[in-house]
Protein backbone atom coordinates (compact mmCIF):
# COMPACT_ATOMS: atom_id res chain seq x y z
CA UNK A 1 80.35 147.18 182.40
CA UNK A 2 82.30 146.27 185.55
CA UNK A 3 83.81 142.93 186.42
CA UNK A 4 81.01 142.18 188.88
CA UNK A 5 78.34 142.88 186.29
CA UNK A 6 80.04 140.62 183.77
CA UNK A 7 80.39 137.85 186.34
CA UNK A 8 76.70 138.16 187.22
CA UNK A 9 75.73 137.91 183.57
CA UNK A 10 77.91 134.82 183.17
CA UNK A 11 76.36 133.19 186.23
CA UNK A 12 72.87 134.07 185.05
CA UNK A 13 73.65 132.70 181.62
CA UNK A 14 75.00 129.49 183.15
CA UNK A 15 71.89 129.09 185.28
CA UNK A 16 69.52 129.81 182.40
CA UNK A 17 71.47 127.52 180.08
CA UNK A 18 71.29 124.70 182.62
CA UNK A 19 67.54 125.24 183.01
CA UNK A 20 67.05 125.42 179.24
CA UNK A 21 69.05 122.25 178.60
CA UNK A 22 67.24 120.47 181.41
CA UNK A 23 63.86 121.48 179.99
CA UNK A 24 64.92 120.46 176.51
CA UNK A 25 66.02 117.05 177.72
CA UNK A 26 62.89 116.59 179.79
CA UNK A 27 60.79 117.56 176.76
CA UNK A 28 62.71 115.25 174.42
CA UNK A 29 62.40 112.43 176.93
CA UNK A 30 58.60 112.66 176.88
CA UNK A 31 56.72 110.04 174.92
CA UNK A 32 53.70 110.81 172.78
CA UNK A 33 51.49 109.42 175.57
CA UNK A 34 53.00 111.57 178.32
CA UNK A 35 50.49 113.63 180.30
CA UNK A 36 52.55 116.76 179.78
CA UNK A 37 52.04 116.58 176.04
CA UNK A 38 48.52 115.19 175.97
CA UNK A 39 45.68 117.70 176.00
CA UNK A 40 44.69 118.48 179.58
CA UNK A 41 41.60 119.92 181.19
CA UNK A 42 42.06 122.64 183.77
CA UNK A 43 39.56 124.23 186.12
CA UNK A 44 40.74 127.46 187.72
CA UNK A 45 38.84 128.85 190.66
CA UNK A 46 39.55 132.36 191.91
CA UNK A 47 38.53 133.65 195.32
CA UNK A 48 37.44 137.28 195.07
CA UNK A 49 35.54 139.67 197.31
CA UNK A 50 31.87 139.09 196.75
CA UNK A 51 32.36 136.52 193.97
CA UNK A 52 33.71 133.19 192.85
CA UNK A 53 35.02 133.01 189.27
CA UNK A 54 35.41 129.67 187.53
CA UNK A 55 37.14 129.09 184.16
CA UNK A 56 37.49 125.85 182.22
CA UNK A 57 40.39 125.49 179.79
CA UNK A 58 41.96 122.73 177.75
CA UNK A 59 45.09 122.34 175.75
CA UNK A 60 48.75 121.51 176.06
CA UNK A 61 52.05 123.40 176.06
CA UNK A 62 51.57 123.80 172.31
CA UNK A 63 48.08 125.39 172.43
CA UNK A 64 45.68 126.62 175.08
CA UNK A 65 42.09 127.81 174.99
CA UNK A 66 39.31 128.78 177.39
CA UNK A 67 36.24 126.55 177.07
CA UNK A 68 33.97 128.64 179.26
CA UNK A 69 34.15 130.97 182.24
CA UNK A 70 31.57 132.27 184.70
CA UNK A 71 31.52 134.53 187.75
CA UNK A 72 29.24 133.64 190.67
CA UNK A 73 28.23 136.53 192.91
CA UNK A 74 28.33 135.95 196.69
CA UNK A 75 28.00 138.24 199.71
CA UNK A 76 29.04 141.79 198.88
CA UNK A 77 32.40 142.83 200.29
CA UNK A 78 33.09 139.41 201.72
CA UNK A 79 35.15 136.48 200.48
CA UNK A 80 33.07 133.38 199.68
CA UNK A 81 33.22 130.44 202.06
CA UNK A 82 34.62 127.00 201.18
CA UNK A 83 31.13 125.55 200.55
CA UNK A 84 30.13 128.37 198.19
CA UNK A 85 33.40 127.97 196.33
CA UNK A 86 32.99 124.21 195.91
CA UNK A 87 29.34 124.53 194.80
CA UNK A 88 30.19 127.13 192.14
CA UNK A 89 33.08 125.00 190.84
CA UNK A 90 31.01 121.80 190.74
CA UNK A 91 28.20 123.41 188.75
CA UNK A 92 30.70 124.24 185.99
CA UNK A 93 32.21 120.77 185.63
CA UNK A 94 30.80 118.75 182.71
CA UNK A 95 32.29 115.53 184.07
CA UNK A 96 35.56 113.71 183.66
CA UNK A 97 38.93 114.26 185.30
CA UNK A 98 40.00 117.86 185.77
CA UNK A 99 43.09 119.39 187.37
CA UNK A 100 42.31 122.32 189.63
CA UNK A 101 44.21 125.55 190.11
CA UNK A 102 43.14 127.69 193.10
CA UNK A 103 43.80 131.42 192.74
CA UNK A 104 43.82 133.21 196.10
CA UNK A 105 43.76 136.97 196.80
CA UNK A 106 47.15 138.66 196.94
CA UNK A 107 46.32 140.22 200.33
CA UNK A 108 46.29 136.73 201.87
CA UNK A 109 49.91 136.23 200.86
CA UNK A 110 52.85 137.35 203.00
CA UNK A 111 55.70 138.51 200.76
CA UNK A 112 59.31 139.00 201.85
CA UNK A 113 62.65 139.81 200.21
CA UNK A 114 65.67 138.04 201.61
CA UNK A 115 69.37 138.37 200.72
CA UNK A 116 71.65 135.34 200.88
CA UNK A 117 75.31 134.71 200.07
CA UNK A 118 75.88 133.72 196.49
CA UNK A 119 77.07 130.31 197.67
CA UNK A 120 73.46 129.13 198.28
CA UNK A 121 72.77 129.22 194.56
CA UNK A 122 73.58 125.52 194.30
CA UNK A 123 70.77 124.56 196.72
CA UNK A 124 68.40 127.45 197.38
CA UNK A 125 65.47 125.35 198.79
CA UNK A 126 67.70 123.91 201.49
CA UNK A 127 69.06 127.36 202.45
CA UNK A 128 65.52 128.77 202.71
CA UNK A 129 64.29 125.90 204.87
CA UNK A 130 67.05 126.61 207.42
CA UNK A 131 66.03 130.27 207.73
CA UNK A 132 62.29 130.12 206.98
CA UNK A 133 61.07 130.72 210.55
CA UNK A 134 63.06 133.94 210.72
CA UNK A 135 62.00 135.11 207.28
CA UNK A 136 58.29 134.28 207.58
CA UNK A 137 57.03 134.36 211.19
CA UNK A 138 54.23 131.87 210.66
CA UNK A 139 55.92 128.58 211.38
CA UNK A 140 57.28 126.11 208.90
CA UNK A 141 54.52 123.58 209.47
CA UNK A 142 51.70 126.13 209.27
CA UNK A 143 52.19 127.60 205.80
CA UNK A 144 52.38 127.04 202.07
CA UNK A 145 55.24 128.98 200.46
CA UNK A 146 57.33 129.40 197.32
CA UNK A 147 60.19 131.60 196.13
CA UNK A 148 61.71 133.18 193.02
CA UNK A 149 65.00 134.95 192.26
CA UNK A 150 64.64 138.73 192.40
CA UNK A 151 68.27 139.65 191.65
CA UNK A 152 71.78 138.30 192.02
CA UNK A 153 75.40 139.32 191.71
CA UNK A 154 78.76 137.74 192.36
CA UNK A 155 78.44 138.17 196.13
CA UNK A 156 74.78 137.74 196.96
CA UNK A 157 71.44 136.56 195.70
CA UNK A 158 68.09 138.17 196.58
CA UNK A 159 64.92 136.07 196.72
CA UNK A 160 61.21 136.90 196.71
CA UNK A 161 59.53 134.60 199.24
CA UNK A 162 55.73 134.25 199.26
CA UNK A 163 53.75 132.40 201.95
CA UNK A 164 50.13 131.90 203.01
CA UNK A 165 48.84 130.51 206.29
CA UNK A 166 47.79 126.91 206.08
CA UNK A 167 44.51 127.48 207.86
CA UNK A 168 43.63 130.28 205.45
CA UNK A 169 43.34 127.94 202.46
CA UNK A 170 43.17 124.45 203.91
CA UNK A 171 39.35 124.43 204.26
CA UNK A 172 38.91 125.51 200.64
CA UNK A 173 41.20 122.74 199.41
CA UNK A 174 39.46 120.13 201.57
CA UNK A 175 35.98 121.22 200.49
CA UNK A 176 36.93 121.05 196.79
CA UNK A 177 38.46 117.60 197.33
CA UNK A 178 35.23 116.45 199.01
CA UNK A 179 33.39 117.43 195.83
CA UNK A 180 35.77 115.49 193.60
CA UNK A 181 38.05 118.41 192.69
CA UNK A 182 41.69 117.98 193.64
CA UNK A 183 43.79 121.13 193.86
CA UNK A 184 47.26 120.78 192.28
CA UNK A 185 48.22 124.46 192.12
CA UNK A 186 47.90 127.29 194.62
CA UNK A 187 48.75 130.63 193.05
CA UNK A 188 48.10 134.34 193.26
CA UNK A 189 48.43 137.11 190.72
CA UNK A 190 51.09 139.45 192.00
CA UNK A 191 51.63 142.96 190.71
CA UNK A 192 49.04 144.11 188.17
CA UNK A 193 45.81 142.16 188.60
CA UNK A 194 44.52 140.50 185.40
CA UNK A 195 40.97 141.28 184.29
CA UNK A 196 39.92 137.70 184.91
CA UNK A 197 41.80 135.90 187.64
CA UNK A 198 40.30 132.51 186.82
CA UNK A 199 41.13 132.77 183.09
CA UNK A 200 44.69 133.75 183.90
CA UNK A 201 45.03 130.87 186.36
CA UNK A 202 43.68 128.32 183.85
CA UNK A 203 45.93 129.37 180.94
CA UNK A 204 49.00 129.72 183.16
CA UNK A 205 48.50 126.17 184.47
CA UNK A 206 48.70 124.73 180.92
CA UNK A 207 52.21 126.03 180.31
CA UNK A 208 55.10 123.54 180.39
CA UNK A 209 56.94 125.44 183.10
CA UNK A 210 57.91 123.41 186.16
CA UNK A 211 59.33 126.57 187.77
CA UNK A 212 56.04 128.45 187.62
CA UNK A 213 54.95 129.77 191.05
CA UNK A 214 52.99 127.25 193.11
CA UNK A 215 52.70 127.68 196.86
CA UNK A 216 51.86 124.01 197.28
CA UNK A 217 55.46 123.10 196.33
CA UNK A 218 56.75 124.60 199.61
CA UNK A 219 59.85 125.93 197.93
CA UNK A 220 60.93 122.73 196.23
CA UNK A 221 62.43 123.02 192.78
CA UNK A 222 63.60 120.62 190.10
CA UNK A 223 67.35 120.96 189.88
CA UNK A 224 68.56 121.29 186.32
CA UNK A 225 72.10 120.19 185.61
CA UNK A 226 73.81 119.54 182.37
CA UNK A 227 73.13 115.85 181.75
CA UNK A 228 76.58 114.40 181.22
CA UNK A 229 75.49 111.16 179.55
CA UNK A 230 72.88 112.84 177.38
CA UNK A 231 75.25 115.66 176.48
CA UNK A 232 77.93 113.13 175.54
CA UNK A 233 75.46 111.27 173.35
CA UNK A 234 74.36 114.47 171.62
CA UNK A 235 77.97 115.63 171.16
CA UNK A 236 78.90 112.27 169.67
CA UNK A 237 75.84 112.43 167.42
CA UNK A 238 76.75 115.96 166.31
CA UNK A 239 80.35 114.90 165.66
CA UNK A 240 79.07 111.93 163.68
CA UNK A 241 76.75 114.18 161.65
CA UNK A 242 79.58 116.69 161.12
CA UNK A 243 81.97 113.92 160.07
CA UNK A 244 79.33 112.49 157.73
CA UNK A 245 78.66 115.91 156.23
CA UNK A 246 82.40 116.46 155.75
CA UNK A 247 83.41 113.02 154.54
CA UNK A 248 80.40 112.28 152.34
CA UNK A 249 81.12 115.07 149.80
CA UNK A 250 84.80 114.10 149.84
CA UNK A 251 83.90 110.47 149.17
CA UNK A 252 81.51 111.52 146.41
CA UNK A 253 84.19 113.72 144.84
CA UNK A 254 86.75 110.90 145.12
CA UNK A 255 84.35 108.55 143.37
CA UNK A 256 83.73 111.20 140.69
CA UNK A 257 87.50 111.67 140.23
CA UNK A 258 88.02 107.90 140.03
CA UNK A 259 85.21 107.68 137.47
CA UNK A 260 86.72 110.54 135.45
CA UNK A 261 90.17 108.93 135.62
CA UNK A 262 88.66 105.68 134.41
CA UNK A 263 86.96 107.49 131.53
CA UNK A 264 90.21 109.33 130.71
CA UNK A 265 92.11 106.01 130.66
CA UNK A 266 89.40 104.50 128.49
CA UNK A 267 89.57 107.44 126.09
CA UNK A 268 93.39 107.21 126.03
CA UNK A 269 93.15 103.54 125.16
CA UNK A 270 90.65 104.40 122.45
CA UNK A 271 93.00 107.11 121.15
CA UNK A 272 95.97 104.72 121.14
CA UNK A 273 93.88 102.11 119.38
CA UNK A 274 92.78 104.72 116.85
CA UNK A 275 96.42 105.74 116.29
CA UNK A 276 97.47 102.13 115.79
CA UNK A 277 94.58 101.57 113.43
CA UNK A 278 95.48 104.76 111.58
CA UNK A 279 99.07 103.58 111.22
CA UNK A 280 97.93 100.17 110.06
CA UNK A 281 95.52 101.81 107.62
CA UNK A 282 98.43 103.96 106.35
CA UNK A 283 100.58 100.88 105.84
CA UNK A 284 97.74 99.08 104.06
CA UNK A 285 97.03 102.15 101.94
CA UNK A 286 100.72 102.30 101.06
CA UNK A 287 100.67 98.65 100.09
CA UNK A 288 97.50 99.22 98.08
CA UNK A 289 99.07 102.23 96.38
CA UNK A 290 102.19 100.22 95.63
CA UNK A 291 100.10 97.39 94.23
CA UNK A 292 98.00 99.81 92.22
CA UNK A 293 101.14 101.53 90.99
CA UNK A 294 102.62 98.18 90.08
CA UNK A 295 99.40 97.19 88.33
CA UNK A 296 99.41 100.51 86.51
CA UNK A 297 103.06 100.16 85.50
CA UNK A 298 102.79 96.48 84.59
CA UNK A 299 101.37 97.04 81.05
CA UNK A 300 103.96 99.77 80.55
CA UNK A 301 106.79 97.44 81.63
CA UNK A 302 105.59 94.67 79.31
CA UNK A 303 105.31 97.12 76.41
CA UNK A 304 108.78 98.52 77.20
CA UNK A 305 110.37 95.04 77.18
CA UNK A 306 108.72 94.27 73.89
CA UNK A 307 110.01 97.55 72.40
CA UNK A 308 113.52 97.01 73.71
CA UNK A 309 113.52 93.48 72.31
CA UNK A 310 112.72 94.92 68.91
CA UNK A 311 115.26 97.76 69.16
CA UNK A 312 118.48 96.24 70.48
CA UNK A 313 120.55 93.99 68.18
CA UNK A 314 120.68 90.25 68.68
CA UNK A 315 124.27 90.45 69.79
CA UNK A 316 123.24 92.48 72.90
CA UNK A 317 121.37 91.31 75.95
CA UNK A 318 119.86 93.01 79.01
CA UNK A 319 120.67 92.21 82.64
CA UNK A 320 118.29 94.66 84.38
CA UNK A 321 115.50 97.18 83.96
CA UNK A 322 114.52 99.71 86.63
CA UNK A 323 111.42 101.90 86.34
CA UNK A 324 111.06 105.16 88.25
CA UNK A 325 107.90 106.99 87.23
CA UNK A 326 108.42 108.06 83.60
CA UNK A 327 112.12 107.16 83.68
CA UNK A 328 113.84 103.87 82.94
CA UNK A 329 117.33 102.57 83.57
CA UNK A 330 118.60 99.89 81.19
CA UNK A 331 121.58 97.74 82.09
CA UNK A 332 123.25 95.03 79.90
CA UNK A 333 126.02 94.02 77.54
CA UNK A 334 126.52 94.79 73.81
CA UNK A 335 129.27 94.37 71.18
CA UNK A 336 129.19 98.16 70.77
CA UNK A 337 127.24 100.15 73.40
CA UNK A 338 127.54 103.47 71.56
CA UNK A 339 125.12 102.32 68.86
CA UNK A 340 122.34 101.76 71.37
CA UNK A 341 121.69 105.45 72.11
CA UNK A 342 120.67 106.32 68.49
CA UNK A 343 118.44 103.22 68.31
CA UNK A 344 116.57 104.28 71.47
CA UNK A 345 116.14 107.87 70.25
CA UNK A 346 114.81 106.71 66.84
CA UNK A 347 112.29 104.31 68.35
CA UNK A 348 109.86 107.06 69.27
CA UNK A 349 109.22 105.43 72.65
CA UNK A 350 112.33 106.69 74.39
CA UNK A 351 113.82 110.16 74.61
CA UNK A 352 116.76 111.86 76.29
CA UNK A 353 118.67 108.61 76.29
CA UNK A 354 122.21 108.83 77.74
CA UNK A 355 124.76 106.70 79.53
CA UNK A 356 124.25 106.81 83.30
CA UNK A 357 127.78 105.47 83.91
CA UNK A 358 130.89 105.17 81.75
CA UNK A 359 130.89 102.14 79.44
CA UNK A 360 133.35 99.40 80.46
CA UNK A 361 134.82 96.71 78.22
CA UNK A 362 134.63 93.23 79.68
CA UNK A 363 137.95 91.43 78.95
CA UNK A 364 136.51 87.93 79.06
CA UNK A 365 133.41 88.44 76.96
CA UNK A 366 134.89 91.31 74.88
CA UNK A 367 131.54 93.06 75.32
CA UNK A 368 130.67 96.58 76.49
CA UNK A 369 128.91 96.78 79.87
CA UNK A 370 126.47 99.70 79.73
CA UNK A 371 123.93 101.52 81.95
CA UNK A 372 121.59 103.76 80.01
CA UNK A 373 118.88 106.00 81.38
CA UNK A 374 116.06 107.45 79.32
CA UNK A 375 112.64 109.05 79.54
CA UNK A 376 109.58 107.11 78.43
CA UNK A 377 107.22 108.71 75.98
CA UNK A 378 103.98 107.56 77.62
CA UNK A 379 101.83 108.89 74.78
CA UNK A 380 103.57 106.57 72.35
CA UNK A 381 103.29 103.64 74.72
CA UNK A 382 99.58 104.16 75.42
CA UNK A 383 98.54 104.56 71.75
CA UNK A 384 97.64 101.08 70.49
CA UNK A 385 99.20 99.84 67.27
CA UNK A 386 96.79 99.41 64.37
CA UNK A 387 95.98 95.82 63.43
CA UNK A 388 98.22 94.41 60.71
CA UNK A 389 100.68 97.30 61.13
CA UNK A 390 103.93 96.75 63.02
CA UNK A 391 104.79 99.04 65.89
CA UNK A 392 106.71 102.19 65.09
CA UNK A 393 109.71 100.95 66.95
CA UNK A 394 109.95 97.79 64.89
CA UNK A 395 109.62 99.74 61.63
CA UNK A 396 112.41 102.07 62.60
CA UNK A 397 114.50 99.19 63.81
CA UNK A 398 114.21 97.44 60.45
CA UNK A 399 115.16 100.60 58.62
């Protein structure tokens, strides 16, 4: 594709985009009560050789339908006169307000192609009005006309111009108006003729297309431009929607993360509390075990003191006892410490008795300072003495 072809496509796209945006804005600006959206009633009257065809249609840009249609035969080979046309149309009207579309024969229409510089694209109606007398030799004040774009490129634009003499159709329009039917559209079916001209004219009139051919417009067109204010509003709205769509998930995720962090902190606090409680429980359990151990050893300690009191001579005395499981450490003073070991062994309650440290002679008291360690025979300690019988230790001590 050449540069010119690409430029033409870009210009055509720009023009179509402007028209599309303009139509969209005009459609969005309509209220629910606007006549363009409300159902309308259309009567289309076609002038044909030897007949008048009338079609009634109703609908809106969203739907269209033919209510009824009828062809009225007139003089063979001749076009019907204004009075015949008005009579046929009036007999079809059930009453109420109807818009009328008059379909004229194509042979009544003068059609021309005209090439213009591409610069006229910005205001085609004005350019045509300057050159209309040359293009259509009827006279600007003696015709109805319209135009459409046939082709265009970067240098020129070619238009199809259609015109009909005023006197050719004026009497028909006046006669219909006299019978309460106002004509709002003057059209013809160019190219291939539809099977029913009146049906085509009625359905075509219901379309929401302000650029549809209509010779009564005399070349005037609605200029579509990109609405700056409306476009700015829509762009701002789209940016706002985009920002909302972007920021909303981020905000949701931030709130989720904050909630998760809060839960994690809460669980950490719970874990720390559990650890502290576990440590406290361990300390308490240790205290309980120590108390239980003390309570368990208490009878044994009392029994041991009683046995030692019976075993050691009166000249000796104890300064300390230390229990460690099934072991005992005995500390004290005696006139002769060496005689204590045999006494402990013979008691039956102690075994493996031996000095834990060397025996020292105290110069002041002239007594031996001793530290003896021994194993406790728990079986002997836990077996109760029979009533009336002295403990084994005491018997052996006496011997």
